[in-house]
Protein backbone atom coordinates (compact mmCIF):
# COMPACT_ATOMS: atom_id res chain seq x y z
CA MET A 1 -5.03 63.70 -30.58
CA THR A 2 -5.52 60.08 -30.48
CA GLN A 3 -3.62 57.29 -31.50
CA GLN A 4 -5.15 53.94 -32.68
CA ILE A 5 -3.45 50.82 -31.87
CA GLU A 6 -3.75 47.97 -33.90
CA LYS A 7 -4.39 44.51 -32.13
CA ARG A 8 -3.25 41.71 -32.99
CA PRO A 9 -2.87 37.79 -31.34
CA SER A 10 -0.14 37.32 -28.49
CA ASP A 11 1.30 34.76 -30.87
CA ASP A 12 1.56 37.16 -34.12
CA LEU A 13 5.06 37.89 -34.79
CA SER A 14 4.50 38.57 -38.33
CA HIS A 15 5.38 42.12 -37.44
CA TRP A 16 8.61 41.59 -35.86
CA GLY A 17 11.50 42.98 -37.05
CA LYS A 18 9.79 44.92 -39.93
CA ASP A 19 9.34 48.78 -40.57
CA SER A 20 6.04 49.77 -41.15
CA ALA A 21 7.71 52.56 -43.69
CA LEU A 22 9.24 49.52 -45.41
CA SER A 23 6.89 47.34 -48.27
CA ALA A 24 5.68 44.37 -46.24
CA ASP A 25 7.24 41.67 -48.88
CA ALA A 26 7.50 38.35 -47.20
CA ALA A 27 10.33 37.17 -49.51
CA GLN A 28 12.64 40.09 -48.40
CA PRO A 29 12.43 39.90 -44.79
CA VAL A 30 14.16 43.35 -42.47
CA ILE A 31 16.03 42.48 -40.03
CA HIS A 32 17.26 45.36 -37.68
CA ASP A 33 17.65 46.07 -33.63
CA MET A 34 20.29 43.50 -33.94
CA ASP A 35 22.15 45.70 -31.33
CA MET A 36 19.15 44.37 -28.71
CA ILE A 37 20.81 40.94 -28.62
CA MET A 38 24.33 41.70 -28.82
CA ASP A 39 25.08 42.46 -24.89
CA LEU A 40 23.44 38.86 -24.13
CA PRO A 41 25.55 37.33 -22.22
CA VAL A 42 26.76 33.81 -23.71
CA ARG A 43 28.87 30.69 -21.69
CA VAL A 44 31.93 30.34 -23.61
CA MET A 45 33.84 27.49 -23.04
CA ILE A 46 37.46 26.15 -24.36
CA GLU A 47 37.46 22.19 -24.34
CA LEU A 48 40.29 20.55 -23.97
CA GLY A 49 39.17 17.16 -23.44
CA ARG A 50 36.71 14.80 -21.97
CA THR A 51 37.56 11.42 -19.94
CA LYS A 52 35.36 9.14 -17.88
CA MET A 53 36.19 7.58 -14.30
CA PRO A 54 34.71 5.91 -11.61
CA LEU A 55 34.23 8.19 -8.75
CA GLY A 56 36.37 5.97 -6.31
CA ASP A 57 39.39 7.18 -8.73
CA LEU A 58 38.81 10.63 -8.93
CA MET A 59 38.33 10.97 -4.95
CA SER A 60 41.60 9.45 -4.88
CA VAL A 61 43.37 11.75 -7.05
CA GLN A 62 46.16 13.71 -4.99
CA ASN A 63 48.37 16.76 -5.70
CA GLY A 64 50.46 15.94 -8.52
CA GLY A 65 48.51 13.40 -10.11
CA VAL A 66 47.45 12.96 -13.87
CA ILE A 67 44.16 12.30 -15.35
CA GLU A 68 44.38 10.98 -18.74
CA LEU A 69 41.80 13.04 -21.03
CA ASP A 70 40.23 11.33 -24.34
CA VAL A 71 42.41 13.34 -26.84
CA GLU A 72 45.68 13.00 -27.97
CA ALA A 73 48.28 15.93 -28.06
CA GLY A 74 48.39 18.13 -30.80
CA GLU A 75 44.61 17.64 -31.44
CA PRO A 76 42.40 21.01 -31.69
CA LEU A 77 41.10 22.60 -28.70
CA ASN A 78 36.57 22.82 -28.94
CA LEU A 79 35.13 26.16 -28.77
CA VAL A 80 31.84 25.38 -27.00
CA VAL A 81 29.18 28.05 -26.32
CA ASN A 82 25.99 27.73 -24.48
CA GLY A 83 26.51 23.96 -24.84
CA CYS A 84 27.01 24.13 -28.57
CA LEU A 85 30.33 23.32 -30.40
CA ILE A 86 30.94 26.44 -32.82
CA ALA A 87 34.79 26.22 -33.46
CA GLN A 88 38.08 24.61 -33.01
CA GLY A 89 41.51 26.08 -32.25
CA GLU A 90 45.01 25.73 -30.98
CA VAL A 91 46.43 27.19 -27.81
CA VAL A 92 48.28 30.85 -28.11
CA ILE A 93 49.79 32.84 -25.37
CA VAL A 94 48.96 36.58 -25.66
CA ASP A 95 50.49 38.57 -22.91
CA ASP A 96 50.81 36.34 -20.28
CA ARG A 97 47.43 35.07 -20.85
CA TYR A 98 46.19 31.70 -22.47
CA GLY A 99 44.28 32.17 -25.58
CA ILE A 100 42.46 30.06 -28.79
CA ARG A 101 43.44 30.69 -32.47
CA LEU A 102 40.55 29.62 -34.24
CA THR A 103 41.17 27.34 -37.27
CA ASP A 104 38.01 25.70 -37.99
CA ILE A 105 34.50 27.30 -37.36
CA ILE A 106 31.90 24.50 -37.51
CA SER A 107 29.14 25.60 -40.35
CA PRO A 108 25.70 26.62 -38.65
CA SER A 109 24.35 23.18 -40.51
CA GLU A 110 27.16 21.04 -39.11
CA ARG A 111 26.36 22.31 -35.76
CA LEU A 112 22.59 21.21 -36.50
CA ARG A 113 23.64 17.51 -37.57
CA LYS A 114 26.00 17.21 -34.45
CA SER A 115 23.43 18.12 -31.95
CA LYS A 116 20.96 15.61 -33.36
CA ASN A 117 23.57 13.17 -32.57
């Protein structure tokens, strides 16, 4: 039994995510196999605040020293995934561990707008 393989240019991704048994209606793209990307690792960071200071000042900080951040008490924390702000929230404690309760999820269009600034 011989199987024919359709050759396509390497940059032709039009077949990706489409099942040959389904119609090739371009207005209705088919997304499947999302499970393939669900195990990809991402870097998740909760950001309390930031500051800018001379290296000399940072090097002189000792135990008990305080570094002032650019946020006020009560402001939300930032949830940053792979360097992109995804949401904001507040600190919670769950079973003696810190966590974050999301209070505002940033829309994809807002993320795109903020990334251009």
